[in-house]
């Protein structure tokens, strides 16, 4: 097995070397409230999240992100913004990344609801953004899950069936405590820690270079908006929103969601970056709807994908060709991704793909109220259950709260939920909830099979 350890070490070394120094282009244009700014100098010298996080915003509109992320230091952020050089719109700008129409509907960001939630955060953490980062308990769990995941990988290299079966679960627990918070800059006060720990999502769950633009610039700004949230189109032709067209007269597209849900992370960690590398369009679309930022070179992207390719190929070579044990080879090659995909689909899709998440809210023109209305919470009614489930789900069980105040680490959300819920309810934006992940998953499937019901023969397909 020394060959396996050597190859794995070389992969880690090559990836580290390539990812440590992201290319720097000039200027670094981004748009806020309709004005384009050059954030290059600020990103390089002063941005608390690190230049790497700002680079993902190159050529994009980040109005909602800017205002939601700086809840603890809004005055300081506005002052810094006013000093940035102004630019004309870049000719190659793609303000909304993924978009099926020209401009999203205008909404109010600085609403009474948002102001009261900002006051809640300040009461808890003061005006220091570092106070809202991961707790010591979260860091202790990160250490524990790192050891468990590392041990599982080492035994996977040796052909352990038990380690292979356990691997997706230990890897998820590690990713749940690191990558999600890291990509939001809410894990650590040190940008380099956030940068490196986001890569715990590799090789089983998602490729960071592809996922961050989708997650932050598309999904977090335009949650469940059919024309701007790319997440609603990953399972195409399955219709995840009422606005999606259903054209089949015989087949219910919810079954497409079911089988794709068992292979999701092969898409997010391998197929999506390969489309960029090979200049291919996304199936069912005329373009690649999940492009990688220009600042990421193809060399970096190839190296970031290589660990995933290694995990697929190594068992076939070591245990298939090497031992003639093709059963073990196929198990070790595919099961970690299937297991990770089922976990990933359950954790992410139950939080937004719901009938309740497509219903109007009382504060229809408030961006924060929309974020809450388009998200689904579960296991939030009992404080002890809420705390335990939060540790297992990266806080995704409190999705509406995460979308409303995204820079608070997941380990700090449970203690704030009741006060947050009371404030949201008072402003006509009560969180939509389910009892637990099993009931939420059942409601997801009910909604999907109803929303994807086959069109009757002879009927004209309509946008519902």
Protein backbone atom coordinates (compact mmCIF):
# COMPACT_ATOMS: atom_id res chain seq x y z
CA UNK A 1 0.00 0.00 0.00
CA UNK A 2 3.06 2.30 0.01
CA UNK A 3 2.24 3.21 -3.59
CA UNK A 4 -1.18 4.45 -2.50
CA UNK A 5 0.27 6.58 0.32
CA UNK A 6 2.92 8.01 -2.01
CA UNK A 7 0.39 8.94 -4.68
CA UNK A 8 -1.92 10.50 -2.11
CA UNK A 9 0.94 12.56 -0.67
CA UNK A 10 1.98 13.78 -4.12
CA UNK A 11 -1.61 14.76 -4.89
CA UNK A 12 -1.80 16.77 -1.67
CA UNK A 13 1.55 18.45 -2.34
CA UNK A 14 0.72 19.37 -5.92
CA UNK A 15 -2.69 20.70 -4.98
CA UNK A 16 -1.23 22.75 -2.11
CA UNK A 17 1.42 24.28 -4.37
CA UNK A 18 -1.10 25.24 -7.02
CA UNK A 19 -3.79 26.63 -4.75
CA UNK A 20 -1.57 28.65 -2.46
CA UNK A 21 -1.00 31.50 -4.91
CA UNK A 22 -4.16 32.35 -6.85
CA UNK A 23 -3.53 34.50 -9.91
CA UNK A 24 -4.06 38.24 -9.49
CA UNK A 25 -5.68 40.21 -12.26
CA UNK A 26 -6.27 43.94 -12.32
CA UNK A 27 -8.55 45.63 -11.62
CA UNK A 28 -11.02 43.66 -9.48
CA UNK A 29 -14.45 45.02 -10.48
CA UNK A 30 -17.62 44.36 -8.48
CA UNK A 31 -21.01 46.09 -8.37
CA UNK A 32 -22.93 47.30 -5.32
CA UNK A 33 -26.19 49.27 -5.57
CA UNK A 34 -25.67 49.75 -9.28
CA UNK A 35 -22.16 51.24 -8.99
CA UNK A 36 -19.03 49.42 -10.15
CA UNK A 37 -15.96 49.57 -7.90
CA UNK A 38 -12.35 48.41 -8.15
CA UNK A 39 -11.78 46.33 -5.00
CA UNK A 40 -8.25 45.23 -5.93
CA UNK A 41 -6.19 47.21 -3.41
CA UNK A 42 -8.68 46.76 -0.59
CA UNK A 43 -8.91 43.01 -1.19
CA UNK A 44 -5.13 42.64 -1.18
CA UNK A 45 -4.42 44.64 1.95
CA UNK A 46 -7.48 45.11 4.17
CA UNK A 47 -10.36 42.72 3.45
CA UNK A 48 -10.94 40.61 6.56
CA UNK A 49 -12.14 37.64 4.53
CA UNK A 50 -9.01 37.58 2.40
CA UNK A 51 -8.49 38.38 -1.27
CA UNK A 52 -9.48 34.85 -2.31
CA UNK A 53 -13.07 35.44 -1.19
CA UNK A 54 -13.35 38.78 -3.02
CA UNK A 55 -11.90 37.24 -6.19
CA UNK A 56 -15.03 35.14 -6.58
CA UNK A 57 -16.98 38.41 -6.92
CA UNK A 58 -15.03 39.62 -9.96
CA UNK A 59 -17.47 41.10 -12.47
CA UNK A 60 -20.54 40.34 -10.34
CA UNK A 61 -23.24 42.22 -8.48
CA UNK A 62 -22.80 41.58 -4.74
CA UNK A 63 -25.26 44.10 -3.32
CA UNK A 64 -27.16 41.61 -1.17
CA UNK A 65 -24.02 39.82 0.00
CA UNK A 66 -22.28 43.06 0.94
CA UNK A 67 -25.19 44.23 3.07
CA UNK A 68 -25.96 40.90 4.72
CA UNK A 69 -22.37 39.93 5.46
CA UNK A 70 -21.41 43.19 7.16
CA UNK A 71 -24.13 43.21 9.80
CA UNK A 72 -21.61 43.61 12.62
CA UNK A 73 -19.53 46.35 11.02
CA UNK A 74 -21.84 47.99 8.50
CA UNK A 75 -20.65 51.55 9.11
CA UNK A 76 -17.01 50.52 8.66
CA UNK A 77 -17.87 48.60 5.49
CA UNK A 78 -19.78 51.54 4.00
CA UNK A 79 -16.88 53.86 4.81
CA UNK A 80 -14.42 51.53 3.10
CA UNK A 81 -16.74 51.19 0.09
CA UNK A 82 -16.99 54.97 -0.34
CA UNK A 83 -13.20 55.14 -0.71
CA UNK A 84 -12.92 52.54 -3.46
CA UNK A 85 -12.17 53.74 -7.01
CA UNK A 86 -15.29 53.79 -9.20
CA UNK A 87 -15.35 52.04 -12.57
CA UNK A 88 -17.45 51.85 -15.69
CA UNK A 89 -19.15 48.51 -16.27
CA UNK A 90 -16.56 46.02 -17.53
CA UNK A 91 -17.33 44.69 -21.03
CA UNK A 92 -17.08 41.07 -19.86
CA UNK A 93 -19.09 41.53 -16.65
CA UNK A 94 -21.65 38.91 -15.66
CA UNK A 95 -23.38 40.69 -12.77
CA UNK A 96 -25.62 37.79 -11.81
CA UNK A 97 -23.49 34.83 -12.88
CA UNK A 98 -26.35 32.49 -13.72
CA UNK A 99 -29.42 34.31 -15.10
CA UNK A 100 -32.32 33.48 -17.39
CA UNK A 101 -33.51 37.09 -17.52
CA UNK A 102 -31.82 40.48 -17.50
CA UNK A 103 -32.55 41.94 -14.07
CA UNK A 104 -33.99 40.52 -10.85
CA UNK A 105 -36.96 42.12 -9.18
CA UNK A 106 -36.00 45.03 -6.92
CA UNK A 107 -36.39 44.40 -3.20
CA UNK A 108 -35.69 46.35 -0.03
CA UNK A 109 -32.53 45.35 1.79
CA UNK A 110 -32.35 47.91 4.61
CA UNK A 111 -35.74 46.89 6.00
CA UNK A 112 -37.02 47.11 9.60
CA UNK A 113 -36.68 43.31 9.82
CA UNK A 114 -33.05 43.35 8.80
CA UNK A 115 -32.27 46.21 11.17
CA UNK A 116 -33.77 44.34 14.11
CA UNK A 117 -31.88 41.15 13.24
CA UNK A 118 -28.70 43.18 12.99
CA UNK A 119 -29.42 44.53 16.47
CA UNK A 120 -29.85 40.93 17.67
CA UNK A 121 -26.44 39.98 16.30
CA UNK A 122 -24.84 43.04 17.87
CA UNK A 123 -26.39 42.30 21.24
CA UNK A 124 -24.85 38.84 21.10
CA UNK A 125 -21.43 39.66 19.67
CA UNK A 126 -20.88 43.41 19.87
CA UNK A 127 -19.32 44.99 16.79
CA UNK A 128 -16.42 42.56 16.48
CA UNK A 129 -16.97 40.14 13.56
CA UNK A 130 -14.48 37.71 15.14
CA UNK A 131 -16.85 37.15 18.08
CA UNK A 132 -19.31 35.36 15.80
CA UNK A 133 -16.78 32.80 14.51
CA UNK A 134 -16.65 29.12 15.47
CA UNK A 135 -16.79 28.20 19.14
CA UNK A 136 -14.16 26.14 20.96
CA UNK A 137 -16.59 23.24 20.92
CA UNK A 138 -16.78 23.41 17.13
CA UNK A 139 -12.98 23.41 16.89
CA UNK A 140 -12.80 20.38 19.21
CA UNK A 141 -15.27 18.55 17.00
CA UNK A 142 -13.25 19.53 13.93
CA UNK A 143 -10.17 17.94 15.51
CA UNK A 144 -12.11 14.77 16.34
CA UNK A 145 -13.72 14.44 12.91
CA UNK A 146 -10.38 15.14 11.22
CA UNK A 147 -8.84 12.18 13.01
CA UNK A 148 -11.81 9.92 12.21
CA UNK A 149 -11.88 10.95 8.55
CA UNK A 150 -8.11 10.64 8.14
CA UNK A 151 -8.22 7.17 9.69
CA UNK A 152 -11.06 6.14 7.37
CA UNK A 153 -9.12 7.33 4.31
CA UNK A 154 -5.98 5.44 5.36
CA UNK A 155 -7.95 2.22 5.82
CA UNK A 156 -9.78 2.87 2.54
CA UNK A 157 -6.37 2.87 0.83
CA UNK A 158 -5.76 -0.58 2.34
CA UNK A 159 -9.09 -1.96 1.13
CA UNK A 160 -11.11 -1.94 4.35
CA UNK A 161 -14.81 -2.49 3.64
CA UNK A 162 -15.83 -1.13 7.04
CA UNK A 163 -13.80 2.06 6.57
CA UNK A 164 -15.32 2.49 3.10
CA UNK A 165 -18.84 2.21 4.50
CA UNK A 166 -18.10 4.70 7.27
CA UNK A 167 -16.12 7.16 5.14
CA UNK A 168 -19.02 9.28 3.73
CA UNK A 169 -20.37 9.87 7.23
CA UNK A 170 -17.08 10.88 8.84
CA UNK A 171 -16.23 13.03 5.82
CA UNK A 172 -19.63 14.75 6.05
CA UNK A 173 -19.15 15.51 9.75
CA UNK A 174 -15.80 17.10 8.97
CA UNK A 175 -17.16 19.07 6.00
CA UNK A 176 -20.21 20.11 8.01
CA UNK A 177 -17.98 21.71 10.63
CA UNK A 178 -15.48 23.32 8.27
CA UNK A 179 -16.22 23.91 4.59
CA UNK A 180 -19.64 25.57 4.82
CA UNK A 181 -18.57 28.14 7.43
CA UNK A 182 -15.19 28.58 5.73
CA UNK A 183 -16.74 29.52 2.39
CA UNK A 184 -18.78 32.18 4.20
CA UNK A 185 -15.72 33.47 6.06
CA UNK A 186 -17.43 32.65 9.36
CA UNK A 187 -15.23 29.79 10.55
CA UNK A 188 -12.09 31.63 11.63
CA UNK A 189 -10.80 35.18 11.97
CA UNK A 190 -7.77 34.10 9.94
CA UNK A 191 -8.46 34.21 6.17
CA UNK A 192 -5.85 31.54 5.46
CA UNK A 193 -7.65 29.12 7.81
CA UNK A 194 -10.95 29.70 6.00
CA UNK A 195 -9.17 29.31 2.66
CA UNK A 196 -7.58 25.96 3.40
CA UNK A 197 -10.39 24.36 5.37
CA UNK A 198 -12.88 24.95 2.59
CA UNK A 199 -10.98 22.24 0.71
CA UNK A 200 -12.16 19.60 3.17
CA UNK A 201 -15.10 19.40 0.75
CA UNK A 202 -12.68 17.73 -1.69
CA UNK A 203 -12.72 15.05 -2.96
CA UNK A 204 -16.16 13.69 -2.01
CA UNK A 205 -18.61 16.59 -1.72
CA UNK A 206 -17.96 19.57 -3.98
CA UNK A 207 -15.26 21.44 -5.87
CA UNK A 208 -14.78 24.77 -4.11
CA UNK A 209 -13.91 26.70 -7.27
CA UNK A 210 -17.26 25.81 -8.82
CA UNK A 211 -19.42 25.75 -5.72
CA UNK A 212 -18.67 29.15 -4.14
CA UNK A 213 -19.90 31.20 -7.14
CA UNK A 214 -23.06 29.09 -7.25
CA UNK A 215 -23.66 29.17 -3.53
CA UNK A 216 -22.77 32.74 -2.61
CA UNK A 217 -23.49 34.79 -5.72
CA UNK A 218 -26.44 32.86 -7.08
CA UNK A 219 -28.18 30.88 -4.35
CA UNK A 220 -27.60 33.14 -1.34
CA UNK A 221 -28.57 36.30 -3.17
CA UNK A 222 -31.57 34.95 -5.11
CA UNK A 223 -32.80 31.99 -3.10
CA UNK A 224 -35.51 30.01 -4.95
CA UNK A 225 -35.82 32.65 -7.68
CA UNK A 226 -36.23 30.58 -10.82
CA UNK A 227 -34.31 32.89 -13.17
CA UNK A 228 -31.33 33.57 -10.90
CA UNK A 229 -30.83 30.67 -8.45
CA UNK A 230 -28.75 28.06 -10.26
CA UNK A 231 -29.54 25.50 -7.56
CA UNK A 232 -33.07 25.16 -8.97
CA UNK A 233 -31.65 23.79 -12.23
CA UNK A 234 -29.11 21.17 -11.12
CA UNK A 235 -31.62 18.32 -11.36
CA UNK A 236 -33.05 19.34 -14.73
CA UNK A 237 -35.33 18.20 -16.32
CA UNK A 238 -36.83 17.64 -12.85
CA UNK A 239 -38.82 20.76 -11.96
CA UNK A 240 -37.77 22.07 -8.56
CA UNK A 241 -39.86 25.23 -8.72
CA UNK A 242 -43.43 25.98 -9.86
CA UNK A 243 -42.00 28.18 -12.65
CA UNK A 244 -40.20 25.23 -14.28
CA UNK A 245 -41.96 23.69 -17.26
CA UNK A 246 -43.12 20.08 -17.14
CA UNK A 247 -43.41 18.67 -20.65
CA UNK A 248 -43.45 14.88 -20.27
CA UNK A 249 -46.80 13.16 -20.78
CA UNK A 250 -45.68 9.85 -19.23
CA UNK A 251 -42.68 10.25 -16.92
CA UNK A 252 -42.68 12.03 -13.56
CA UNK A 253 -39.49 14.09 -13.34
CA UNK A 254 -39.30 13.53 -9.58
CA UNK A 255 -37.74 10.15 -10.38
CA UNK A 256 -34.93 12.03 -12.14
CA UNK A 257 -34.34 13.93 -8.92
CA UNK A 258 -34.21 10.63 -7.01
CA UNK A 259 -31.55 8.96 -9.13
CA UNK A 260 -29.52 12.13 -9.59
CA UNK A 261 -29.69 12.64 -5.84
CA UNK A 262 -27.68 9.43 -5.44
CA UNK A 263 -24.90 10.81 -7.67
CA UNK A 264 -25.02 14.50 -6.78
CA UNK A 265 -21.49 14.89 -5.51
CA UNK A 266 -19.99 13.29 -8.62
CA UNK A 267 -21.56 16.26 -10.39
CA UNK A 268 -20.42 18.92 -7.94
CA UNK A 269 -16.90 17.54 -7.47
CA UNK A 270 -16.14 16.18 -10.95
CA UNK A 271 -18.60 16.86 -13.79
CA UNK A 272 -19.09 20.57 -13.17
CA UNK A 273 -15.37 21.46 -13.11
CA UNK A 274 -14.74 19.15 -16.09
CA UNK A 275 -17.27 21.11 -18.13
CA UNK A 276 -15.20 24.22 -17.60
CA UNK A 277 -11.95 22.40 -18.33
CA UNK A 278 -13.32 20.84 -21.53
CA UNK A 279 -15.42 23.86 -22.61
CA UNK A 280 -18.65 21.87 -22.54
CA UNK A 281 -22.21 23.08 -22.00
CA UNK A 282 -24.41 21.90 -19.15
CA UNK A 283 -26.90 19.26 -20.38
CA UNK A 284 -30.32 20.78 -21.14
CA UNK A 285 -28.75 24.26 -21.48
CA UNK A 286 -27.05 26.17 -24.30
CA UNK A 287 -24.16 27.23 -22.06
CA UNK A 288 -22.21 26.05 -19.03
CA UNK A 289 -24.38 27.32 -16.17
CA UNK A 290 -21.75 26.57 -13.51
CA UNK A 291 -18.59 28.31 -14.80
CA UNK A 292 -15.45 28.73 -12.73
CA UNK A 293 -14.20 32.29 -12.00
CA UNK A 294 -11.64 33.60 -14.49
CA UNK A 295 -9.12 34.02 -11.70
CA UNK A 296 -8.84 30.24 -11.36
CA UNK A 297 -6.42 28.86 -13.92
CA UNK A 298 -7.01 25.57 -15.69
CA UNK A 299 -3.92 24.18 -13.97
CA UNK A 300 -5.41 24.98 -10.58
CA UNK A 301 -8.73 23.50 -11.60
CA UNK A 302 -7.16 20.28 -12.94
CA UNK A 303 -5.21 19.85 -9.71
CA UNK A 304 -8.30 20.48 -7.60
CA UNK A 305 -10.18 17.78 -9.54
CA UNK A 306 -7.34 15.25 -9.46
CA UNK A 307 -8.09 13.94 -5.91
CA UNK A 308 -11.61 13.05 -7.01
CA UNK A 309 -10.30 11.25 -10.09
CA UNK A 310 -7.76 9.45 -7.87
CA UNK A 311 -10.54 8.23 -5.56
CA UNK A 312 -12.42 6.79 -8.52
CA UNK A 313 -9.45 5.18 -10.27
CA UNK A 314 -7.19 4.00 -7.44
CA UNK A 315 -9.47 1.16 -6.20
CA UNK A 316 -9.89 -0.14 -9.76
CA UNK A 317 -6.12 -0.32 -10.19
CA UNK A 318 -5.17 -1.48 -6.69
CA UNK A 319 -7.95 -3.99 -5.99
CA UNK A 320 -9.39 -4.74 -9.43
CA UNK A 321 -6.31 -5.12 -11.62
CA UNK A 322 -3.96 -5.63 -8.66
CA UNK A 323 -5.89 -8.29 -6.72
CA UNK A 324 -8.61 -9.35 -9.10
CA UNK A 325 -11.21 -8.37 -6.48
CA UNK A 326 -13.53 -6.33 -8.68
CA UNK A 327 -16.34 -6.34 -6.14
CA UNK A 328 -14.16 -4.53 -3.62
CA UNK A 329 -12.81 -2.27 -6.36
CA UNK A 330 -16.26 -1.10 -7.44
CA UNK A 331 -17.41 -0.68 -3.83
CA UNK A 332 -14.40 1.45 -2.91
CA UNK A 333 -14.62 3.48 -6.11
CA UNK A 334 -18.34 4.31 -6.17
CA UNK A 335 -19.82 3.86 -2.71
CA UNK A 336 -18.07 6.85 -1.06
CA UNK A 337 -19.59 9.12 -3.70
CA UNK A 338 -23.03 7.51 -3.56
CA UNK A 339 -23.05 7.71 0.24
CA UNK A 340 -21.84 11.32 0.17
CA UNK A 341 -24.43 12.18 -2.49
CA UNK A 342 -27.36 10.81 -0.48
CA UNK A 343 -26.19 12.72 2.60
CA UNK A 344 -25.57 15.89 0.59
CA UNK A 345 -28.92 15.75 -1.20
CA UNK A 346 -30.82 15.17 2.04
CA UNK A 347 -28.97 17.94 3.86
CA UNK A 348 -29.29 20.59 1.14
CA UNK A 349 -32.47 19.98 -0.84
CA UNK A 350 -34.84 19.57 2.12
CA UNK A 351 -33.96 23.14 3.09
CA UNK A 352 -35.41 24.80 -0.02
CA UNK A 353 -37.25 22.36 -2.30
CA UNK A 354 -40.57 22.55 -0.50
CA UNK A 355 -44.06 23.76 -1.37
CA UNK A 356 -43.95 26.14 1.62
CA UNK A 357 -40.74 27.69 0.27
CA UNK A 358 -42.56 28.85 -2.86
CA UNK A 359 -45.43 30.54 -1.06
CA UNK A 360 -45.60 34.37 -0.73
CA UNK A 361 -44.71 36.07 2.53
CA UNK A 362 -46.29 39.11 4.16
CA UNK A 363 -43.18 41.25 3.62
CA UNK A 364 -43.00 40.53 -0.10
CA UNK A 365 -40.59 43.35 -1.00
CA UNK A 366 -38.14 42.71 1.87
CA UNK A 367 -35.02 40.78 0.85
CA UNK A 368 -34.46 39.30 4.32
CA UNK A 369 -38.10 38.20 4.60
CA UNK A 370 -37.76 36.48 1.22
CA UNK A 371 -34.65 34.66 2.36
CA UNK A 372 -36.55 33.37 5.38
CA UNK A 373 -39.67 32.47 3.41
CA UNK A 374 -37.66 30.53 0.81
CA UNK A 375 -35.91 28.39 3.42
CA UNK A 376 -37.08 25.46 5.55
CA UNK A 377 -36.17 24.68 9.16
CA UNK A 378 -36.51 21.42 11.08
CA UNK A 379 -35.62 20.07 14.54
CA UNK A 380 -35.79 23.59 15.93
CA UNK A 381 -38.60 23.41 18.50
CA UNK A 382 -36.79 21.57 21.30
CA UNK A 383 -33.57 23.34 22.43
CA UNK A 384 -31.62 20.13 23.11
CA UNK A 385 -32.67 18.50 19.85
CA UNK A 386 -31.85 21.72 18.00
CA UNK A 387 -28.34 21.76 19.42
CA UNK A 388 -27.59 18.11 18.57
CA UNK A 389 -29.05 18.25 15.07
CA UNK A 390 -27.14 21.47 14.38
CA UNK A 391 -23.88 19.62 15.04
CA UNK A 392 -24.86 16.89 12.57
CA UNK A 393 -26.15 19.14 9.79
CA UNK A 394 -23.77 22.15 9.80
CA UNK A 395 -26.69 24.24 11.01
CA UNK A 396 -28.65 23.51 7.84
CA UNK A 397 -31.60 22.61 10.04
CA UNK A 398 -31.81 26.37 10.73
CA UNK A 399 -31.50 27.33 7.09
CA UNK A 400 -33.70 30.43 7.27
CA UNK A 401 -31.57 31.90 10.04
CA UNK A 402 -28.37 31.13 8.15
CA UNK A 403 -29.73 32.92 5.08
CA UNK A 404 -30.84 35.92 7.11
CA UNK A 405 -27.51 36.31 8.99
CA UNK A 406 -24.95 34.26 7.02
CA UNK A 407 -21.77 35.37 8.80
CA UNK A 408 -22.56 33.76 12.16
CA UNK A 409 -20.85 30.39 12.61
CA UNK A 410 -23.14 27.37 12.71
CA UNK A 411 -22.13 26.51 16.28
CA UNK A 412 -23.63 29.80 17.51
CA UNK A 413 -27.00 29.60 15.76
CA UNK A 414 -28.90 27.25 18.10
CA UNK A 415 -28.74 29.56 21.10
CA UNK A 416 -30.04 32.48 19.01
CA UNK A 417 -32.85 30.71 17.20
CA UNK A 418 -35.76 31.42 19.53
CA UNK A 419 -35.10 35.17 19.64
CA UNK A 420 -34.51 35.22 15.89
CA UNK A 421 -37.78 33.36 15.25
CA UNK A 422 -39.72 35.77 17.47
CA UNK A 423 -38.34 38.78 15.60
CA UNK A 424 -39.04 37.26 12.18
CA UNK A 425 -42.58 36.30 13.18
CA UNK A 426 -43.30 39.79 14.46
CA UNK A 427 -42.34 41.18 11.04
CA UNK A 428 -44.60 38.78 9.17
CA UNK A 429 -41.77 36.44 8.18
CA UNK A 430 -42.27 33.46 10.49
CA UNK A 431 -39.88 30.61 9.60
CA UNK A 432 -41.46 27.67 7.74
CA UNK A 433 -40.70 24.54 9.76
CA UNK A 434 -40.99 20.76 9.86
CA UNK A 435 -40.65 18.34 12.77
CA UNK A 436 -37.37 16.74 11.71
CA UNK A 437 -35.34 15.79 8.65
CA UNK A 438 -37.49 12.70 7.99
CA UNK A 439 -40.72 14.71 7.87
CA UNK A 440 -38.98 17.43 5.84
CA UNK A 441 -37.68 14.83 3.36
CA UNK A 442 -41.16 13.34 3.03
CA UNK A 443 -42.61 16.77 2.34
CA UNK A 444 -39.89 17.38 -0.24
CA UNK A 445 -40.82 14.21 -2.13
CA UNK A 446 -44.54 14.98 -1.91
CA UNK A 447 -43.92 18.41 -3.39
CA UNK A 448 -41.64 17.09 -6.16
CA UNK A 449 -43.98 14.34 -7.34
CA UNK A 450 -46.90 16.77 -7.39
CA UNK A 451 -44.91 19.53 -9.10
CA UNK A 452 -43.55 17.09 -11.71
CA UNK A 453 -46.85 15.34 -12.45
CA UNK A 454 -46.85 14.36 -16.15
CA UNK A 455 -48.65 16.68 -18.55
CA UNK A 456 -51.81 15.08 -19.87
CA UNK A 457 -51.72 13.94 -23.51
CA UNK A 458 -52.58 16.79 -25.86
CA UNK A 459 -52.14 19.46 -23.22
CA UNK A 460 -50.00 22.49 -23.95
CA UNK A 461 -47.02 22.71 -21.55
CA UNK A 462 -47.27 25.76 -19.35
CA UNK A 463 -45.05 27.50 -16.84
CA UNK A 464 -46.70 26.83 -13.53
